[in-house]
Amino acid sequence: MLKRILGTRGSRLALAQSTLIADALRAAHPGLEVELRVITTRGDRILDVALSAVGDKGLFVKELEQALLAGEVDFCVHSCKDLPSIVPEGLTLAAFPARVDPRDMLVLRAGTSGDTGAAAATGAATLEALPHGAVVGTSSLRRACQIRALRPDLELRDVRGNVDTRLRKLAEGQYDALVLASAGLERLGLFDAHGRLHSDGATFVAAPVPPETMLPAVAQGILAIECRADDAGTLALLAPLDHGPSRAAALAERAFLRRLEGGCQVPIAAYATTDAPDRLWLRGLVGSLDGATVVRGERSGPIAAAESLGTALAEALLEQGAAEVLTALTGRGRE
């Protein structure tokens, strides 16, 4: 029997995503056996410190990529937004399945009158409607920058742990609201038929944050399937899972990030959509940590030139002031 080993992190979300891909692969190739092998990454072990303070995006993928290069697993499934912008030599991103909702999600307790969560219950679950000084949990510098630009009065606090842990902290009242990725909540199956979230017996109200208010992270909502570049057999098996528009969006957004050399320590966002057949519309931003400076831009171009589009938008933002922002944050400017 034909068999492949899928390397995955052990978190509930990672397992859900890997199971989704394993099932899709079995459906595409009847008789194929797919075994999930859990690999713990450094990012999984560091749960009490903000990611921006401990390292870059490789925290969640390095051990998986080492297992790939060593031949211990045949392919890995990543949240594409966790991937560094440069793929190690010998590996390749073989497939990008169809993107799910890329937006951020504002999550509040489904409370009673007088509770912050009551605002959500009455249809006012927006960043603009949060009470003055409300405590919002996020460990993302990208989200923090955009929230501060919109609502400098809000108090932002780091929040680490898996989705269930974060929601438990919200239920306990440690935060008035959280901002989480819609894609993760969707893939975990936490929504009921009425659009409310349920976790560990607690109920929450969630509302998507429009991209016009908060631009998503690079490749948010996209899964990336990575394998060895010379493994022709696995590449062929993974080919049916590749979704052209999602691949183009991921390549454009990742090229934007790569040119800016940004990571967890820099507030960078990008979001590509198809604005016409065979064309991409890419929006991007670079901001300061306090949200006082946000450099935005957009470009449109052919899907076939997705990476060039991402690089061109990054170059435009550098000319508009992003270079100075990056210099202040990292010591790197225009290079």
C-alpha atoms as a PDB file:
ATOM      1  CA  MET A   1       0.000   0.000   0.000  1.00  0.00           C
ATOM      2  CA  LEU A   2       1.215   3.478  -0.885  1.00  0.00           C
ATOM      3  CA  LYS A   3       1.980   5.434   2.289  1.00  0.00           C
ATOM      4  CA  ARG A   4       3.115   8.914   3.249  1.00  0.00           C
ATOM      5  CA  ILE A   5       3.988  10.354   6.675  1.00  0.00           C
ATOM      6  CA  LEU A   6       2.620  13.807   7.498  1.00  0.00           C
ATOM      7  CA  GLY A   7       4.569  15.820  10.067  1.00  0.00           C
ATOM      8  CA  THR A   8       2.453  18.081  12.261  1.00  0.00           C
ATOM      9  CA  ARG A   9       2.530  20.079  15.456  1.00  0.00           C
ATOM     10  CA  GLY A  10       0.480  18.616  18.277  1.00  0.00           C
ATOM     11  CA  SER A  11      -1.857  21.518  19.012  1.00  0.00           C
ATOM     12  CA  ARG A  12      -5.568  20.987  18.524  1.00  0.00           C
ATOM     13  CA  LEU A  13      -5.613  23.426  15.606  1.00  0.00           C
ATOM     14  CA  ALA A  14      -2.541  21.923  13.925  1.00  0.00           C
ATOM     15  CA  LEU A  15      -4.020  18.434  14.209  1.00  0.00           C
ATOM     16  CA  ALA A  16      -7.351  19.635  12.822  1.00  0.00           C
ATOM     17  CA  GLN A  17      -5.606  21.229   9.841  1.00  0.00           C
ATOM     18  CA  SER A  18      -3.398  18.208   9.208  1.00  0.00           C
ATOM     19  CA  THR A  19      -6.367  15.848   9.459  1.00  0.00           C
ATOM     20  CA  LEU A  20      -8.229  18.004   6.930  1.00  0.00           C
ATOM     21  CA  ILE A  21      -5.353  17.700   4.469  1.00  0.00           C
ATOM     22  CA  ALA A  22      -4.868  13.977   5.141  1.00  0.00           C
ATOM     23  CA  ASP A  23      -8.544  13.357   4.401  1.00  0.00           C
ATOM     24  CA  ALA A  24      -8.378  15.423   1.205  1.00  0.00           C
ATOM     25  CA  LEU A  25      -5.298  13.511   0.091  1.00  0.00           C
ATOM     26  CA  ARG A  26      -6.964  10.139   0.741  1.00  0.00           C
ATOM     27  CA  ALA A  27     -10.015  11.289  -1.209  1.00  0.00           C
ATOM     28  CA  ALA A  28      -7.828  12.325  -4.142  1.00  0.00           C
ATOM     29  CA  HIS A  29      -5.890   9.057  -4.071  1.00  0.00           C
ATOM     30  CA  PRO A  30      -8.059   6.117  -2.905  1.00  0.00           C
ATOM     31  CA  GLY A  31      -5.931   3.517  -1.162  1.00  0.00           C
ATOM     32  CA  LEU A  32      -3.269   5.973  -0.040  1.00  0.00           C
ATOM     33  CA  GLU A  33      -2.333   5.631   3.629  1.00  0.00           C
ATOM     34  CA  VAL A  34      -1.458   8.858   5.447  1.00  0.00           C
ATOM     35  CA  GLU A  35       0.075   8.663   8.920  1.00  0.00           C
ATOM     36  CA  LEU A  36       0.227  11.740  11.165  1.00  0.00           C
ATOM     37  CA  ARG A  37       3.424  12.116  13.174  1.00  0.00           C
ATOM     38  CA  VAL A  38       3.449  14.776  15.907  1.00  0.00           C
ATOM     39  CA  ILE A  39       6.581  16.914  16.231  1.00  0.00           C
ATOM     40  CA  THR A  40       6.995  19.489  19.003  1.00  0.00           C
ATOM     41  CA  THR A  41       8.454  22.847  17.986  1.00  0.00           C
ATOM     42  CA  ARG A  42      10.162  25.480  20.097  1.00  0.00           C
ATOM     43  CA  GLY A  43       7.131  27.706  19.708  1.00  0.00           C
ATOM     44  CA  ASP A  44       4.974  24.994  21.305  1.00  0.00           C
ATOM     45  CA  ARG A  45       7.226  24.909  24.363  1.00  0.00           C
ATOM     46  CA  ILE A  46       7.337  28.672  24.977  1.00  0.00           C
ATOM     47  CA  LEU A  47       3.875  29.637  26.169  1.00  0.00           C
ATOM     48  CA  ASP A  48       4.443  32.441  28.666  1.00  0.00           C
ATOM     49  CA  VAL A  49       6.314  34.995  26.554  1.00  0.00           C
ATOM     50  CA  ALA A  50       5.131  37.104  23.608  1.00  0.00           C
ATOM     51  CA  LEU A  51       6.396  35.684  20.316  1.00  0.00           C
ATOM     52  CA  SER A  52       7.819  39.064  19.340  1.00  0.00           C
ATOM     53  CA  ALA A  53      10.145  38.824  22.342  1.00  0.00           C
ATOM     54  CA  VAL A  54      11.517  35.314  21.747  1.00  0.00           C
ATOM     55  CA  GLY A  55      12.134  34.917  18.064  1.00  0.00           C
ATOM     56  CA  ASP A  56      10.816  34.883  14.533  1.00  0.00           C
ATOM     57  CA  LYS A  57       8.284  32.815  12.626  1.00  0.00           C
ATOM     58  CA  GLY A  58      10.599  29.816  12.411  1.00  0.00           C
ATOM     59  CA  LEU A  59       9.630  29.039  16.002  1.00  0.00           C
ATOM     60  CA  PHE A  60       6.712  26.948  14.748  1.00  0.00           C
ATOM     61  CA  VAL A  61       8.315  25.253  11.743  1.00  0.00           C
ATOM     62  CA  LYS A  62      12.049  24.642  12.233  1.00  0.00           C
ATOM     63  CA  GLU A  63      11.737  21.193  13.809  1.00  0.00           C
ATOM     64  CA  LEU A  64       9.196  20.148  11.178  1.00  0.00           C
ATOM     65  CA  GLU A  65      11.522  21.207   8.384  1.00  0.00           C
ATOM     66  CA  GLN A  66      14.433  19.402  10.021  1.00  0.00           C
ATOM     67  CA  ALA A  67      12.333  16.219  10.085  1.00  0.00           C
ATOM     68  CA  LEU A  68      11.544  16.699   6.394  1.00  0.00           C
ATOM     69  CA  LEU A  69      15.178  17.158   5.433  1.00  0.00           C
ATOM     70  CA  ALA A  70      16.149  14.108   7.500  1.00  0.00           C
ATOM     71  CA  GLY A  71      13.569  11.982   5.684  1.00  0.00           C
ATOM     72  CA  GLU A  72      11.641  11.260   8.875  1.00  0.00           C
ATOM     73  CA  VAL A  73       8.397  12.621   7.379  1.00  0.00           C
ATOM     74  CA  ASP A  74       7.280  13.090   3.768  1.00  0.00           C
ATOM     75  CA  PHE A  75       5.390  16.370   4.019  1.00  0.00           C
ATOM     76  CA  CYS A  76       4.188  18.916   6.568  1.00  0.00           C
ATOM     77  CA  VAL A  77       1.121  21.106   6.889  1.00  0.00           C
ATOM     78  CA  HIS A  78       1.646  24.657   8.156  1.00  0.00           C
ATOM     79  CA  SER A  79      -0.459  27.706   8.771  1.00  0.00           C
ATOM     80  CA  CYS A  80       1.158  29.691   5.989  1.00  0.00           C
ATOM     81  CA  LYS A  81       1.297  32.832   8.137  1.00  0.00           C
ATOM     82  CA  ASP A  82       3.714  30.988  10.490  1.00  0.00           C
ATOM     83  CA  LEU A  83       6.254  30.336   7.734  1.00  0.00           C
ATOM     84  CA  PRO A  84       9.396  32.428   7.296  1.00  0.00           C
ATOM     85  CA  SER A  85       9.406  34.197   3.938  1.00  0.00           C
ATOM     86  CA  ILE A  86      12.343  32.096   2.695  1.00  0.00           C
ATOM     87  CA  VAL A  87      11.997  28.308   2.316  1.00  0.00           C
ATOM     88  CA  PRO A  88      15.132  26.301   3.251  1.00  0.00           C
ATOM     89  CA  GLU A  89      17.215  24.831   0.433  1.00  0.00           C
ATOM     90  CA  GLY A  90      15.988  21.362  -0.469  1.00  0.00           C
ATOM     91  CA  LEU A  91      12.368  22.057   0.474  1.00  0.00           C
ATOM     92  CA  THR A  92       9.448  23.488  -1.474  1.00  0.00           C
ATOM     93  CA  LEU A  93       5.894  24.645  -0.850  1.00  0.00           C
ATOM     94  CA  ALA A  94       4.114  22.034  -2.921  1.00  0.00           C
ATOM     95  CA  ALA A  95       0.488  23.061  -2.495  1.00  0.00           C
ATOM     96  CA  PHE A  96      -1.728  25.822  -1.143  1.00  0.00           C
ATOM     97  CA  PRO A  97      -5.293  24.546  -0.588  1.00  0.00           C
ATOM     98  CA  ALA A  98      -8.196  26.972  -0.978  1.00  0.00           C
ATOM     99  CA  ARG A  99      -8.008  29.889   1.440  1.00  0.00           C
ATOM    100  CA  VAL A 100     -10.659  30.222   4.146  1.00  0.00           C
ATOM    101  CA  ASP A 101     -11.747  33.487   5.796  1.00  0.00           C
ATOM    102  CA  PRO A 102      -8.536  35.561   6.135  1.00  0.00           C
ATOM    103  CA  ARG A 103     -10.039  38.180   8.443  1.00  0.00           C
ATOM    104  CA  ASP A 104      -9.353  38.734  12.112  1.00  0.00           C
ATOM    105  CA  MET A 105     -12.206  38.092  14.526  1.00  0.00           C
ATOM    106  CA  LEU A 106     -13.196  40.197  17.514  1.00  0.00           C
ATOM    107  CA  VAL A 107     -14.375  37.870  20.300  1.00  0.00           C
ATOM    108  CA  LEU A 108     -16.306  38.959  23.398  1.00  0.00           C
ATOM    109  CA  ARG A 109     -18.117  37.195  26.205  1.00  0.00           C
ATOM    110  CA  ALA A 110     -21.830  36.639  25.615  1.00  0.00           C
ATOM    111  CA  GLY A 111     -22.589  38.567  28.785  1.00  0.00           C
ATOM    112  CA  THR A 112     -25.502  40.247  30.458  1.00  0.00           C
ATOM    113  CA  SER A 113     -26.385  43.895  30.773  1.00  0.00           C
ATOM    114  CA  GLY A 114     -23.450  45.870  32.104  1.00  0.00           C
ATOM    115  CA  ASP A 115     -20.884  43.332  30.899  1.00  0.00           C
ATOM    116  CA  THR A 116     -18.613  44.186  27.963  1.00  0.00           C
ATOM    117  CA  GLY A 117     -20.000  41.097  26.236  1.00  0.00           C
ATOM    118  CA  ALA A 118     -23.467  42.646  26.173  1.00  0.00           C
ATOM    119  CA  ALA A 119     -22.285  45.028  23.467  1.00  0.00           C
ATOM    120  CA  ALA A 120     -21.716  42.024  21.232  1.00  0.00           C
ATOM    121  CA  ALA A 121     -25.140  40.589  22.038  1.00  0.00           C
ATOM    122  CA  THR A 122     -26.777  43.792  20.796  1.00  0.00           C
ATOM    123  CA  GLY A 123     -24.924  43.746  17.497  1.00  0.00           C
ATOM    124  CA  ALA A 124     -22.149  46.183  18.455  1.00  0.00           C
ATOM    125  CA  ALA A 125     -19.254  43.734  18.357  1.00  0.00           C
ATOM    126  CA  THR A 126     -16.794  46.068  16.693  1.00  0.00           C
ATOM    127  CA  LEU A 127     -13.512  47.608  17.746  1.00  0.00           C
ATOM    128  CA  GLU A 128     -15.125  51.032  17.402  1.00  0.00           C
ATOM    129  CA  ALA A 129     -17.885  50.076  19.872  1.00  0.00           C
ATOM    130  CA  LEU A 130     -15.675  48.738  22.673  1.00  0.00           C
ATOM    131  CA  PRO A 131     -15.935  50.765  25.903  1.00  0.00           C
ATOM    132  CA  HIS A 132     -13.228  53.321  26.636  1.00  0.00           C
ATOM    133  CA  GLY A 133     -10.204  51.590  28.190  1.00  0.00           C
ATOM    134  CA  ALA A 134     -11.404  48.055  27.434  1.00  0.00           C
ATOM    135  CA  VAL A 135      -8.707  45.381  27.797  1.00  0.00           C
ATOM    136  CA  VAL A 136      -8.015  43.597  24.512  1.00  0.00           C
ATOM    137  CA  GLY A 137      -5.865  40.471  24.336  1.00  0.00           C
ATOM    138  CA  THR A 138      -3.466  40.019  21.434  1.00  0.00           C
ATOM    139  CA  SER A 139       0.175  39.002  21.058  1.00  0.00           C
ATOM    140  CA  SER A 140       0.342  40.209  17.462  1.00  0.00           C
ATOM    141  CA  LEU A 141       2.266  43.415  16.813  1.00  0.00           C
ATOM    142  CA  ARG A 142       0.374  43.734  13.523  1.00  0.00           C
ATOM    143  CA  ARG A 143      -2.976  43.700  15.304  1.00  0.00           C
ATOM    144  CA  ALA A 144      -1.724  45.929  18.111  1.00  0.00           C
ATOM    145  CA  CYS A 145      -0.443  48.550  15.667  1.00  0.00           C
ATOM    146  CA  GLN A 146      -3.743  48.758  13.814  1.00  0.00           C
ATOM    147  CA  ILE A 147      -5.834  48.747  17.005  1.00  0.00           C
ATOM    148  CA  ARG A 148      -3.735  51.569  18.472  1.00  0.00           C
ATOM    149  CA  ALA A 149      -4.104  53.564  15.264  1.00  0.00           C
ATOM    150  CA  LEU A 150      -7.884  53.174  15.474  1.00  0.00           C
ATOM    151  CA  ARG A 151      -8.449  53.182  19.264  1.00  0.00           C
ATOM    152  CA  PRO A 152      -5.450  54.490  21.220  1.00  0.00           C
ATOM    153  CA  ASP A 153      -7.568  54.447  24.385  1.00  0.00           C
ATOM    154  CA  LEU A 154      -7.815  50.652  24.523  1.00  0.00           C
ATOM    155  CA  GLU A 155      -5.489  48.692  26.817  1.00  0.00           C
ATOM    156  CA  LEU A 156      -3.661  45.919  24.952  1.00  0.00           C
ATOM    157  CA  ARG A 157      -2.272  42.911  26.802  1.00  0.00           C
ATOM    158  CA  ASP A 158      -0.331  39.891  25.543  1.00  0.00           C
ATOM    159  CA  VAL A 159      -2.164  36.578  25.457  1.00  0.00           C
ATOM    160  CA  ARG A 160      -0.468  33.258  24.701  1.00  0.00           C
ATOM    161  CA  GLY A 161      -1.625  29.655  24.592  1.00  0.00           C
ATOM    162  CA  ASN A 162      -3.846  27.704  22.231  1.00  0.00           C
ATOM    163  CA  VAL A 163      -7.285  28.947  21.195  1.00  0.00           C
ATOM    164  CA  ASP A 164      -9.104  27.152  24.028  1.00  0.00           C
ATOM    165  CA  THR A 165      -6.700  28.606  26.594  1.00  0.00           C
ATOM    166  CA  ARG A 166      -7.176  32.120  25.270  1.00  0.00           C
ATOM    167  CA  LEU A 167     -10.951  31.767  25.295  1.00  0.00           C
ATOM    168  CA  ARG A 168     -10.841  30.443  28.852  1.00  0.00           C
ATOM    169  CA  LYS A 169      -8.907  33.549  29.928  1.00  0.00           C
ATOM    170  CA  LEU A 170     -11.542  35.707  28.242  1.00  0.00           C
ATOM    171  CA  ALA A 171     -14.339  33.809  30.006  1.00  0.00           C
ATOM    172  CA  GLU A 172     -12.566  34.323  33.330  1.00  0.00           C
ATOM    173  CA  GLY A 173     -12.566  38.087  32.806  1.00  0.00           C
ATOM    174  CA  GLN A 174      -8.821  38.517  32.292  1.00  0.00           C
ATOM    175  CA  TYR A 175      -9.682  40.378  29.077  1.00  0.00           C
ATOM    176  CA  ASP A 176     -12.715  42.239  27.786  1.00  0.00           C
ATOM    177  CA  ALA A 177     -12.120  41.064  24.231  1.00  0.00           C
ATOM    178  CA  LEU A 178      -9.727  39.015  22.118  1.00  0.00           C
ATOM    179  CA  VAL A 179      -8.674  39.344  18.501  1.00  0.00           C
ATOM    180  CA  LEU A 180      -8.110  35.929  16.895  1.00  0.00           C
ATOM    181  CA  ALA A 181      -7.823  34.583  13.358  1.00  0.00           C
ATOM    182  CA  SER A 182     -11.187  33.632  11.920  1.00  0.00           C
ATOM    183  CA  ALA A 183      -9.585  30.721  10.042  1.00  0.00           C
ATOM    184  CA  GLY A 184      -8.450  28.967  13.214  1.00  0.00           C
ATOM    185  CA  LEU A 185     -11.847  29.294  14.875  1.00  0.00           C
ATOM    186  CA  GLU A 186     -13.524  27.950  11.743  1.00  0.00           C
ATOM    187  CA  ARG A 187     -11.196  24.968  11.372  1.00  0.00           C
ATOM    188  CA  LEU A 188     -11.679  24.054  15.037  1.00  0.00           C
ATOM    189  CA  GLY A 189     -15.432  23.899  14.490  1.00  0.00           C
ATOM    190  CA  LEU A 190     -16.213  26.250  17.388  1.00  0.00           C
ATOM    191  CA  PHE A 191     -19.081  28.114  15.697  1.00  0.00           C
ATOM    192  CA  ASP A 192     -22.694  27.048  16.164  1.00  0.00           C
ATOM    193  CA  ALA A 193     -25.497  27.596  13.656  1.00  0.00           C
ATOM    194  CA  HIS A 194     -26.082  31.110  15.011  1.00  0.00           C
ATOM    195  CA  GLY A 195     -22.467  32.202  14.603  1.00  0.00           C
ATOM    196  CA  ARG A 196     -21.611  32.078  18.305  1.00  0.00           C
ATOM    197  CA  LEU A 197     -18.487  30.421  19.668  1.00  0.00           C
ATOM    198  CA  HIS A 198     -18.462  27.691  22.291  1.00  0.00           C
ATOM    199  CA  SER A 199     -15.417  26.468  24.220  1.00  0.00           C
ATOM    200  CA  ASP A 200     -15.203  24.551  27.508  1.00  0.00           C
ATOM    201  CA  GLY A 201     -18.808  25.327  28.371  1.00  0.00           C
ATOM    202  CA  ALA A 202     -18.506  29.082  27.777  1.00  0.00           C
ATOM    203  CA  THR A 203     -20.250  31.007  25.025  1.00  0.00           C
ATOM    204  CA  PHE A 204     -18.781  33.930  23.105  1.00  0.00           C
ATOM    205  CA  VAL A 205     -19.910  36.339  20.430  1.00  0.00           C
ATOM    206  CA  ALA A 206     -17.560  36.817  17.478  1.00  0.00           C
ATOM    207  CA  ALA A 207     -17.619  39.338  14.671  1.00  0.00           C
ATOM    208  CA  PRO A 208     -15.185  39.595  11.742  1.00  0.00           C
ATOM    209  CA  VAL A 209     -13.061  42.716  11.535  1.00  0.00           C
ATOM    210  CA  PRO A 210     -13.211  44.109   7.969  1.00  0.00           C
ATOM    211  CA  PRO A 211      -9.873  44.277   6.134  1.00  0.00           C
ATOM    212  CA  GLU A 212     -10.493  48.008   5.756  1.00  0.00           C
ATOM    213  CA  THR A 213     -10.260  48.245   9.555  1.00  0.00           C
ATOM    214  CA  MET A 214      -7.567  45.630  10.167  1.00  0.00           C
ATOM    215  CA  LEU A 215      -5.513  44.221   7.311  1.00  0.00           C
ATOM    216  CA  PRO A 216      -4.786  40.494   7.844  1.00  0.00           C
ATOM    217  CA  ALA A 217      -1.418  38.880   8.399  1.00  0.00           C
ATOM    218  CA  VAL A 218       0.531  37.698   5.392  1.00  0.00           C
ATOM    219  CA  ALA A 219      -1.121  34.481   4.104  1.00  0.00           C
ATOM    220  CA  GLN A 220      -3.647  34.355   6.956  1.00  0.00           C
ATOM    221  CA  GLY A 221      -6.299  31.717   6.224  1.00  0.00           C
ATOM    222  CA  ILE A 222      -4.008  29.766   3.867  1.00  0.00           C
ATOM    223  CA  LEU A 223      -2.451  26.387   4.580  1.00  0.00           C
ATOM    224  CA  ALA A 224       0.926  25.567   3.043  1.00  0.00           C
ATOM    225  CA  ILE A 225       2.004  21.988   2.364  1.00  0.00           C
ATOM    226  CA  GLU A 226       5.776  21.593   2.372  1.00  0.00           C
ATOM    227  CA  CYS A 227       7.834  18.654   1.141  1.00  0.00           C
ATOM    228  CA  ARG A 228      11.299  17.860  -0.199  1.00  0.00           C
ATOM    229  CA  ALA A 229      11.940  19.508  -3.548  1.00  0.00           C
ATOM    230  CA  ASP A 230      13.331  16.303  -5.068  1.00  0.00           C
ATOM    231  CA  ASP A 231      10.483  14.040  -3.906  1.00  0.00           C
ATOM    232  CA  ALA A 232       8.679  13.719  -7.238  1.00  0.00           C
ATOM    233  CA  GLY A 233       6.258  11.092  -5.943  1.00  0.00           C
ATOM    234  CA  THR A 234       4.989  13.205  -3.047  1.00  0.00           C
ATOM    235  CA  LEU A 235       4.853  16.322  -5.228  1.00  0.00           C
ATOM    236  CA  ALA A 236       2.587  14.456  -7.650  1.00  0.00           C
ATOM    237  CA  LEU A 237       0.334  13.262  -4.830  1.00  0.00           C
ATOM    238  CA  LEU A 238      -0.016  16.789  -3.442  1.00  0.00           C
ATOM    239  CA  ALA A 239      -0.651  18.496  -6.797  1.00  0.00           C
ATOM    240  CA  PRO A 240      -4.468  18.021  -6.779  1.00  0.00           C
ATOM    241  CA  LEU A 241      -4.689  19.924  -3.480  1.00  0.00           C
ATOM    242  CA  ASP A 242      -3.179  23.110  -4.919  1.00  0.00           C
ATOM    243  CA  HIS A 243      -5.619  26.014  -5.438  1.00  0.00           C
ATOM    244  CA  GLY A 244      -4.385  28.495  -8.035  1.00  0.00           C
ATOM    245  CA  PRO A 245      -5.860  31.743  -6.639  1.00  0.00           C
ATOM    246  CA  SER A 246      -4.716  30.871  -3.108  1.00  0.00           C
ATOM    247  CA  ARG A 247      -1.219  30.068  -4.361  1.00  0.00           C
ATOM    248  CA  ALA A 248      -1.074  33.405  -6.178  1.00  0.00           C
ATOM    249  CA  ALA A 249      -2.256  35.287  -3.089  1.00  0.00           C
ATOM    250  CA  ALA A 250       0.264  33.504  -0.882  1.00  0.00           C
ATOM    251  CA  LEU A 251       3.141  34.157  -3.297  1.00  0.00           C
ATOM    252  CA  ALA A 252       2.279  37.854  -3.622  1.00  0.00           C
ATOM    253  CA  GLU A 253       1.896  38.400   0.122  1.00  0.00           C
ATOM    254  CA  ARG A 254       5.029  36.409   0.970  1.00  0.00           C
ATOM    255  CA  ALA A 255       7.065  38.319  -1.631  1.00  0.00           C
ATOM    256  CA  PHE A 256       5.866  41.561  -0.016  1.00  0.00           C
ATOM    257  CA  LEU A 257       7.032  40.291   3.384  1.00  0.00           C
ATOM    258  CA  ARG A 258      10.320  38.968   2.014  1.00  0.00           C
ATOM    259  CA  ARG A 259      11.278  42.300   0.452  1.00  0.00           C
ATOM    260  CA  LEU A 260      10.551  44.094   3.711  1.00  0.00           C
ATOM    261  CA  GLU A 261      12.430  41.409   5.677  1.00  0.00           C
ATOM    262  CA  GLY A 262       9.730  41.529   8.310  1.00  0.00           C
ATOM    263  CA  GLY A 263       8.794  38.967  10.932  1.00  0.00           C
ATOM    264  CA  CYS A 264       7.162  38.799  14.335  1.00  0.00           C
ATOM    265  CA  GLN A 265       9.020  41.925  15.463  1.00  0.00           C
ATOM    266  CA  VAL A 266       7.527  44.207  12.805  1.00  0.00           C
ATOM    267  CA  PRO A 267       3.861  45.191  12.243  1.00  0.00           C
ATOM    268  CA  ILE A 268       3.406  44.146   8.608  1.00  0.00           C
ATOM    269  CA  ALA A 269       0.163  43.128   6.894  1.00  0.00           C
ATOM    270  CA  ALA A 270      -0.810  42.148   3.359  1.00  0.00           C
ATOM    271  CA  TYR A 271      -3.928  40.838   1.676  1.00  0.00           C
ATOM    272  CA  ALA A 272      -4.334  39.804  -1.975  1.00  0.00           C
ATOM    273  CA  THR A 273      -7.644  39.137  -3.707  1.00  0.00           C
ATOM    274  CA  THR A 274      -8.698  38.638  -7.301  1.00  0.00           C
ATOM    275  CA  ASP A 275     -10.161  41.928  -8.552  1.00  0.00           C
ATOM    276  CA  ALA A 276     -10.782  40.531 -12.063  1.00  0.00           C
ATOM    277  CA  PRO A 277     -10.167  37.248 -13.895  1.00  0.00           C
ATOM    278  CA  ASP A 278      -6.444  36.484 -13.820  1.00  0.00           C
ATOM    279  CA  ARG A 279      -5.632  39.648 -11.836  1.00  0.00           C
ATOM    280  CA  LEU A 280      -4.652  40.264  -8.218  1.00  0.00           C
ATOM    281  CA  TRP A 281      -5.343  43.268  -6.013  1.00  0.00           C
ATOM    282  CA  LEU A 282      -2.783  43.484  -3.230  1.00  0.00           C
ATOM    283  CA  ARG A 283      -3.034  45.751  -0.200  1.00  0.00           C
ATOM    284  CA  GLY A 284      -0.216  46.104   2.325  1.00  0.00           C
ATOM    285  CA  LEU A 285       0.968  48.125   5.272  1.00  0.00           C
ATOM    286  CA  VAL A 286       3.932  48.682   7.570  1.00  0.00           C
ATOM    287  CA  GLY A 287       3.415  50.387  10.916  1.00  0.00           C
ATOM    288  CA  SER A 288       5.138  51.523  14.066  1.00  0.00           C
ATOM    289  CA  LEU A 289       4.546  49.679  17.323  1.00  0.00           C
ATOM    290  CA  ASP A 290       2.478  52.532  18.774  1.00  0.00           C
ATOM    291  CA  GLY A 291       0.291  52.845  15.685  1.00  0.00           C
ATOM    292  CA  ALA A 292       1.270  56.494  15.253  1.00  0.00           C
ATOM    293  CA  THR A 293       2.780  55.784  11.827  1.00  0.00           C
ATOM    294  CA  VAL A 294       1.079  53.445   9.360  1.00  0.00           C
ATOM    295  CA  VAL A 295       2.286  53.350   5.751  1.00  0.00           C
ATOM    296  CA  ARG A 296      -0.299  51.815   3.409  1.00  0.00           C
ATOM    297  CA  GLY A 297      -0.444  51.053  -0.280  1.00  0.00           C
ATOM    298  CA  GLU A 298      -2.017  48.862  -2.946  1.00  0.00           C
ATOM    299  CA  ARG A 299      -1.158  47.486  -6.365  1.00  0.00           C
ATOM    300  CA  SER A 300      -2.965  45.449  -9.012  1.00  0.00           C
ATOM    301  CA  GLY A 301      -1.438  43.137 -11.587  1.00  0.00           C
ATOM    302  CA  PRO A 302      -1.638  39.783 -13.362  1.00  0.00           C
ATOM    303  CA  ILE A 303      -1.846  36.631 -11.256  1.00  0.00           C
ATOM    304  CA  ALA A 304       1.047  35.211 -13.261  1.00  0.00           C
ATOM    305  CA  ALA A 305       3.271  37.958 -11.829  1.00  0.00           C
ATOM    306  CA  ALA A 306       2.149  37.520  -8.210  1.00  0.00           C
ATOM    307  CA  GLU A 307       5.613  37.637  -6.672  1.00  0.00           C
ATOM    308  CA  SER A 308       6.654  40.652  -8.726  1.00  0.00           C
ATOM    309  CA  LEU A 309       3.478  42.397  -7.576  1.00  0.00           C
ATOM    310  CA  GLY A 310       4.344  41.771  -3.936  1.00  0.00           C
ATOM    311  CA  THR A 311       7.887  43.028  -4.385  1.00  0.00           C
ATOM    312  CA  ALA A 312       6.714  46.132  -6.255  1.00  0.00           C
ATOM    313  CA  LEU A 313       4.253  47.065  -3.499  1.00  0.00           C
ATOM    314  CA  ALA A 314       6.960  46.630  -0.868  1.00  0.00           C
ATOM    315  CA  GLU A 315       9.284  48.881  -2.857  1.00  0.00           C
ATOM    316  CA  ALA A 316       6.547  51.513  -3.113  1.00  0.00           C
ATOM    317  CA  LEU A 317       5.938  51.471   0.644  1.00  0.00           C
ATOM    318  CA  LEU A 318       9.657  51.745   1.327  1.00  0.00           C
ATOM    319  CA  GLU A 319       9.698  54.900  -0.799  1.00  0.00           C
ATOM    320  CA  GLN A 320       6.650  56.259   1.079  1.00  0.00           C
ATOM    321  CA  GLY A 321       8.237  55.996   4.526  1.00  0.00           C
ATOM    322  CA  ALA A 322       8.268  52.309   5.449  1.00  0.00           C
ATOM    323  CA  ALA A 323      12.074  52.321   5.284  1.00  0.00           C
ATOM    324  CA  GLU A 324      12.218  54.778   8.159  1.00  0.00           C
ATOM    325  CA  VAL A 325       9.727  52.711  10.174  1.00  0.00           C
ATOM    326  CA  LEU A 326      11.771  49.550   9.631  1.00  0.00           C
ATOM    327  CA  THR A 327      14.983  51.341  10.554  1.00  0.00           C
ATOM    328  CA  ALA A 328      13.457  52.493  13.831  1.00  0.00           C
ATOM    329  CA  LEU A 329      12.204  48.985  14.646  1.00  0.00           C
ATOM    330  CA  THR A 330      15.018  46.754  13.444  1.00  0.00           C
ATOM    331  CA  GLY A 331      17.944  48.934  12.447  1.00  0.00           C
ATOM    332  CA  ARG A 332      17.370  47.929   8.810  1.00  0.00           C
ATOM    333  CA  GLY A 333      16.197  50.408   6.242  1.00  0.00           C
ATOM    334  CA  ARG A 334      16.236  50.407   2.469  1.00  0.00           C
ATOM    335  CA  GLU A 335      18.767  47.893   1.188  1.00  0.00           C
END
